[in-house]
């Protein structure tokens, strides 16, 4: 289903109404479990059975942007086995990045895996060491399951992130890198503590110009919480961003005080050679 701005606003309005209704019926609720994806399956959306289990739903965000969500991607017990392996055996690091010319300790642990012969990854002044898939065989097994669920997709690199509590996060950004091509596909698999994953449209090209008073007002409007899409990424779930999502949308994993346990997230990518 192709969604124009009007239909997107209607979906956002219905989600806010559902949230208000839910909060009024229960005085105490878990912050992470009470929030669902803003989009809900309709007859015109592409819904099919996942290759591993559960229902895979495709959400057309318009203008060639697409998100795929499979909440029950991996069997629960098997996913926990992989979680404990990665938590113990992956050589996690927390590098210092350069953000707007200033050093900043990355607010999460990370590790990088890449196939042989790929260009070196670099972001925010940091060049992570590229480990081999053969160094950690279970990661190859997870990659195999991702490829099974997404026929035709091929990933050759992997960024792992570990959030050790609610203060670990990823700020608003997009993975609009030349190395990934014009329409990159990024598959995200979550293990452990569920966390909220947010999407919001980038400001229009006009809004990216000189920041006069009119532009600042437009930017404040475009970054309102009312314009955000929210998914709860649970243990063993899969979320895929496709098409022009990186060009037109930003995403983040915000701080959450109630997220007191560890989450490990794997983002599979394809670097062009």
Protein backbone atom coordinates (compact mmCIF):
# COMPACT_ATOMS: atom_id res chain seq x y z
CA UNK A 1 0.00 0.00 0.00
CA UNK A 2 1.45 3.36 -1.05
CA UNK A 3 0.87 5.93 1.69
CA UNK A 4 0.67 9.62 0.91
CA UNK A 5 1.07 12.32 3.56
CA UNK A 6 -2.66 12.39 4.30
CA UNK A 7 -2.96 8.64 4.91
CA UNK A 8 0.23 8.69 7.02
CA UNK A 9 -1.23 11.43 9.23
CA UNK A 10 -4.44 9.41 9.63
CA UNK A 11 -2.46 6.35 10.74
CA UNK A 12 -0.50 8.41 13.22
CA UNK A 13 -3.73 9.92 14.57
CA UNK A 14 -5.31 6.48 15.06
CA UNK A 15 -2.18 5.29 16.87
CA UNK A 16 -2.31 8.23 19.30
CA UNK A 17 -5.99 7.53 19.96
CA UNK A 18 -5.21 3.87 20.68
CA UNK A 19 -2.36 4.90 23.01
CA UNK A 20 -4.65 7.26 24.97
CA UNK A 21 -7.31 4.59 25.27
CA UNK A 22 -4.79 2.01 26.45
CA UNK A 23 -3.24 4.33 29.06
CA UNK A 24 -6.62 5.26 30.53
CA UNK A 25 -7.63 1.62 31.02
CA UNK A 26 -4.49 0.67 32.94
CA UNK A 27 -2.77 2.81 35.57
CA UNK A 28 0.44 0.77 35.56
CA UNK A 29 2.02 -0.61 32.40
CA UNK A 30 5.47 -1.61 31.21
CA UNK A 31 6.86 1.14 28.98
CA UNK A 32 8.42 -1.17 26.45
CA UNK A 33 5.64 -3.76 26.21
CA UNK A 34 2.76 -1.28 26.04
CA UNK A 35 3.94 0.27 22.77
CA UNK A 36 3.25 -1.38 19.44
CA UNK A 37 4.25 -0.48 15.92
CA UNK A 38 2.26 2.46 14.67
CA UNK A 39 1.31 0.55 11.54
CA UNK A 40 -1.09 -2.36 11.88
CA UNK A 41 -1.83 -4.94 9.16
CA UNK A 42 -4.66 -4.07 6.81
CA UNK A 43 -6.09 -5.97 3.88
CA UNK A 44 -4.04 -3.94 1.44
CA UNK A 45 -0.68 -4.53 3.12
CA UNK A 46 1.60 -7.41 2.19
CA UNK A 47 1.33 -9.98 4.99
CA UNK A 48 2.81 -13.47 4.71
CA UNK A 49 4.17 -16.29 6.81
CA UNK A 50 7.80 -15.95 7.79
CA UNK A 51 10.36 -18.55 6.73
CA UNK A 52 11.20 -19.39 10.35
CA UNK A 53 7.99 -18.62 12.23
CA UNK A 54 5.38 -15.98 12.88
CA UNK A 55 3.95 -13.44 10.45
CA UNK A 56 6.07 -11.17 8.28
CA UNK A 57 4.46 -7.82 7.53
CA UNK A 58 5.68 -5.33 4.93
CA UNK A 59 4.93 -1.62 5.50
CA UNK A 60 5.16 0.72 2.52
CA UNK A 61 6.22 4.13 3.86
CA UNK A 62 5.87 5.82 0.49
CA UNK A 63 8.38 7.16 -2.05
CA UNK A 64 10.17 3.82 -2.27
CA UNK A 65 10.77 3.39 1.48
CA UNK A 66 9.81 0.07 3.06
CA UNK A 67 10.02 -1.66 6.44
CA UNK A 68 9.54 -5.38 7.05
CA UNK A 69 8.77 -6.67 10.57
CA UNK A 70 8.80 -10.28 11.78
CA UNK A 71 8.27 -10.29 15.59
CA UNK A 72 8.75 -14.06 15.98
CA UNK A 73 11.69 -14.65 13.70
CA UNK A 74 13.81 -17.05 15.81
CA UNK A 75 12.75 -19.78 18.27
CA UNK A 76 12.99 -18.31 21.77
CA UNK A 77 15.33 -20.88 23.35
CA UNK A 78 17.67 -20.95 20.36
CA UNK A 79 17.82 -17.17 20.36
CA UNK A 80 18.81 -17.20 24.05
CA UNK A 81 21.61 -19.67 23.28
CA UNK A 82 22.96 -17.29 20.67
CA UNK A 83 22.54 -14.32 23.03
CA UNK A 84 24.67 -15.96 25.74
CA UNK A 85 27.32 -16.97 23.19
CA UNK A 86 27.62 -13.43 21.81
CA UNK A 87 27.57 -11.80 25.23
CA UNK A 88 30.51 -13.97 26.32
CA UNK A 89 32.60 -14.55 23.18
CA UNK A 90 32.30 -11.46 20.97
CA UNK A 91 35.28 -9.05 21.45
CA UNK A 92 33.15 -6.03 22.36
CA UNK A 93 34.65 -2.54 22.40
CA UNK A 94 33.33 0.94 23.23
CA UNK A 95 35.35 3.30 21.01
CA UNK A 96 35.71 7.06 21.21
CA UNK A 97 34.04 8.77 18.24
CA UNK A 98 34.49 12.27 16.84
CA UNK A 99 31.14 14.07 16.70
CA UNK A 100 31.17 17.65 15.39
CA UNK A 101 34.87 17.82 16.17
CA UNK A 102 34.49 16.64 19.75
CA UNK A 103 35.42 13.24 21.26
CA UNK A 104 32.47 11.17 22.47
CA UNK A 105 32.51 7.72 24.01
CA UNK A 106 30.15 5.56 21.96
CA UNK A 107 27.08 4.89 24.17
CA UNK A 108 27.04 1.13 23.48
CA UNK A 109 29.47 -1.73 22.81
CA UNK A 110 30.09 -2.82 19.23
CA UNK A 111 31.93 -5.25 16.98
CA UNK A 112 32.32 -5.51 13.20
CA UNK A 113 32.29 -8.61 10.97
CA UNK A 114 33.03 -8.52 7.23
CA UNK A 115 33.67 -10.88 4.34
CA UNK A 116 37.20 -10.95 2.95
CA UNK A 117 38.15 -8.23 0.47
CA UNK A 118 35.58 -5.60 1.46
CA UNK A 119 36.59 -1.93 1.87
CA UNK A 120 37.40 -0.85 5.41
CA UNK A 121 34.48 0.52 7.41
CA UNK A 122 34.87 4.02 8.84
CA UNK A 123 32.42 6.18 10.77
CA UNK A 124 32.79 9.26 12.99
CA UNK A 125 36.58 9.04 12.85
CA UNK A 126 36.57 5.37 13.94
CA UNK A 127 37.83 2.46 11.84
CA UNK A 128 36.80 -0.79 13.56
CA UNK A 129 38.77 -3.97 13.12
CA UNK A 130 37.01 -6.32 10.71
CA UNK A 131 36.69 -9.81 12.16
CA UNK A 132 36.01 -12.80 9.92
CA UNK A 133 32.76 -14.78 9.87
CA UNK A 134 34.90 -17.86 10.54
CA UNK A 135 36.05 -16.34 13.83
CA UNK A 136 32.53 -16.74 15.25
CA UNK A 137 30.66 -19.64 13.54
CA UNK A 138 27.29 -18.99 15.29
CA UNK A 139 27.11 -15.65 13.45
CA UNK A 140 27.21 -17.57 10.17
CA UNK A 141 24.26 -19.65 11.41
CA UNK A 142 22.26 -16.51 12.19
CA UNK A 143 23.16 -15.08 8.77
CA UNK A 144 21.86 -18.29 7.19
CA UNK A 145 18.52 -17.89 8.97
CA UNK A 146 18.27 -14.26 7.81
CA UNK A 147 18.90 -15.31 4.21
CA UNK A 148 16.24 -18.01 4.55
CA UNK A 149 13.70 -15.46 5.74
CA UNK A 150 14.60 -12.94 3.02
CA UNK A 151 14.97 -14.81 -0.30
CA UNK A 152 17.06 -12.85 -2.78
CA UNK A 153 18.83 -10.82 -0.12
CA UNK A 154 22.58 -11.14 0.34
CA UNK A 155 24.55 -9.66 3.24
CA UNK A 156 28.33 -9.61 3.50
CA UNK A 157 28.95 -7.54 6.63
CA UNK A 158 27.59 -7.23 10.13
CA UNK A 159 27.62 -4.58 12.85
CA UNK A 160 26.89 -5.92 16.33
CA UNK A 161 25.77 -3.60 19.13
CA UNK A 162 25.34 -4.41 22.82
CA UNK A 163 23.20 -2.21 25.04
CA UNK A 164 24.02 -3.00 28.66
CA UNK A 165 21.06 -1.08 30.08
CA UNK A 166 18.60 1.72 29.47
CA UNK A 167 21.32 4.40 29.33
CA UNK A 168 22.89 2.80 26.26
CA UNK A 169 21.37 4.06 23.03
CA UNK A 170 21.70 5.02 19.36
CA UNK A 171 20.91 8.63 18.51
CA UNK A 172 18.97 9.75 15.43
CA UNK A 173 20.85 8.86 12.24
CA UNK A 174 20.57 7.15 8.87
CA UNK A 175 22.93 4.65 7.26
CA UNK A 176 23.09 6.58 4.00
CA UNK A 177 26.60 5.50 3.06
CA UNK A 178 28.04 5.33 -0.45
CA UNK A 179 29.42 1.87 0.30
CA UNK A 180 25.86 0.52 0.71
CA UNK A 181 24.51 1.90 -2.58
CA UNK A 182 21.43 4.03 -3.28
CA UNK A 183 18.83 1.62 -1.85
CA UNK A 184 20.54 -0.38 0.91
CA UNK A 185 18.83 -3.22 2.72
CA UNK A 186 19.61 -3.49 6.45
CA UNK A 187 18.31 -6.46 8.45
CA UNK A 188 18.19 -6.02 12.24
CA UNK A 189 17.89 -9.02 14.62
CA UNK A 190 17.31 -8.43 18.34
CA UNK A 191 18.39 -10.66 21.25
CA UNK A 192 17.66 -10.15 24.94
CA UNK A 193 15.95 -7.07 26.35
CA UNK A 194 13.29 -5.58 24.09
CA UNK A 195 13.81 -1.95 23.13
CA UNK A 196 11.83 0.70 21.30
CA UNK A 197 12.94 1.44 17.73
CA UNK A 198 11.88 4.81 16.30
CA UNK A 199 11.66 6.12 12.76
CA UNK A 200 10.96 9.68 11.63
CA UNK A 201 11.07 11.39 8.26
CA UNK A 202 14.05 13.57 7.48
CA UNK A 203 13.39 17.30 7.13
CA UNK A 204 12.56 18.39 3.59
CA UNK A 205 15.42 19.61 1.44
CA UNK A 206 14.18 23.18 1.92
CA UNK A 207 14.38 22.68 5.69
CA UNK A 208 18.04 21.67 5.34
CA UNK A 209 18.97 25.12 4.02
CA UNK A 210 19.93 28.22 6.02
CA UNK A 211 18.28 28.09 9.44
CA UNK A 212 16.23 31.26 9.54
CA UNK A 213 13.26 31.52 11.89
CA UNK A 214 10.87 29.93 9.35
CA UNK A 215 13.22 26.99 8.84
CA UNK A 216 13.60 26.44 12.60
CA UNK A 217 9.82 26.26 12.99
CA UNK A 218 9.64 23.80 10.12
CA UNK A 219 12.34 21.65 11.71
CA UNK A 220 10.56 21.60 15.06
CA UNK A 221 7.38 20.47 13.33
CA UNK A 222 9.13 17.78 11.32
CA UNK A 223 10.78 16.26 14.41
CA UNK A 224 7.65 16.16 16.56
CA UNK A 225 6.89 12.90 18.36
CA UNK A 226 3.60 12.89 16.46
CA UNK A 227 5.59 12.24 13.27
CA UNK A 228 7.50 9.26 14.67
CA UNK A 229 6.88 5.59 13.92
CA UNK A 230 7.51 3.18 16.80
CA UNK A 231 8.28 -0.54 16.81
CA UNK A 232 8.97 -2.66 19.89
CA UNK A 233 11.82 -4.98 18.92
CA UNK A 234 11.55 -8.10 21.05
CA UNK A 235 13.87 -11.03 21.68
CA UNK A 236 14.24 -13.07 18.49
CA UNK A 237 12.59 -10.47 16.22
CA UNK A 238 13.62 -9.27 12.76
CA UNK A 239 13.16 -5.79 11.28
CA UNK A 240 14.32 -4.85 7.77
CA UNK A 241 14.71 -1.38 6.24
CA UNK A 242 14.66 -1.32 2.44
CA UNK A 243 14.54 0.96 -0.58
CA UNK A 244 15.00 4.68 0.14
CA UNK A 245 14.46 4.37 3.90
CA UNK A 246 18.02 5.53 4.62
CA UNK A 247 17.67 8.46 2.23
CA UNK A 248 14.33 9.71 3.56
CA UNK A 249 14.10 8.51 7.17
CA UNK A 250 16.09 8.65 10.42
CA UNK A 251 16.06 5.92 13.07
CA UNK A 252 17.13 5.60 16.70
CA UNK A 253 17.06 3.43 19.82
CA UNK A 254 16.42 5.97 22.62
CA UNK A 255 17.35 5.75 26.28
CA UNK A 256 14.75 3.96 28.40
CA UNK A 257 15.01 3.85 32.21
CA UNK A 258 13.03 0.62 32.47
CA UNK A 259 15.31 -1.29 30.09
CA UNK A 260 17.51 -2.68 32.85
CA UNK A 261 18.92 -5.79 31.13
CA UNK A 262 21.20 -6.36 28.14
CA UNK A 263 20.13 -6.20 24.52
CA UNK A 264 22.30 -7.44 21.63
CA UNK A 265 21.39 -6.26 18.16
CA UNK A 266 22.79 -7.52 14.85
CA UNK A 267 22.49 -5.34 11.75
CA UNK A 268 23.31 -7.20 8.55
CA UNK A 269 24.40 -5.08 5.58
CA UNK A 270 25.77 -5.46 2.05
CA UNK A 271 28.85 -3.45 1.09
CA UNK A 272 29.24 -2.95 -2.66
CA UNK A 273 32.57 -3.97 -4.17
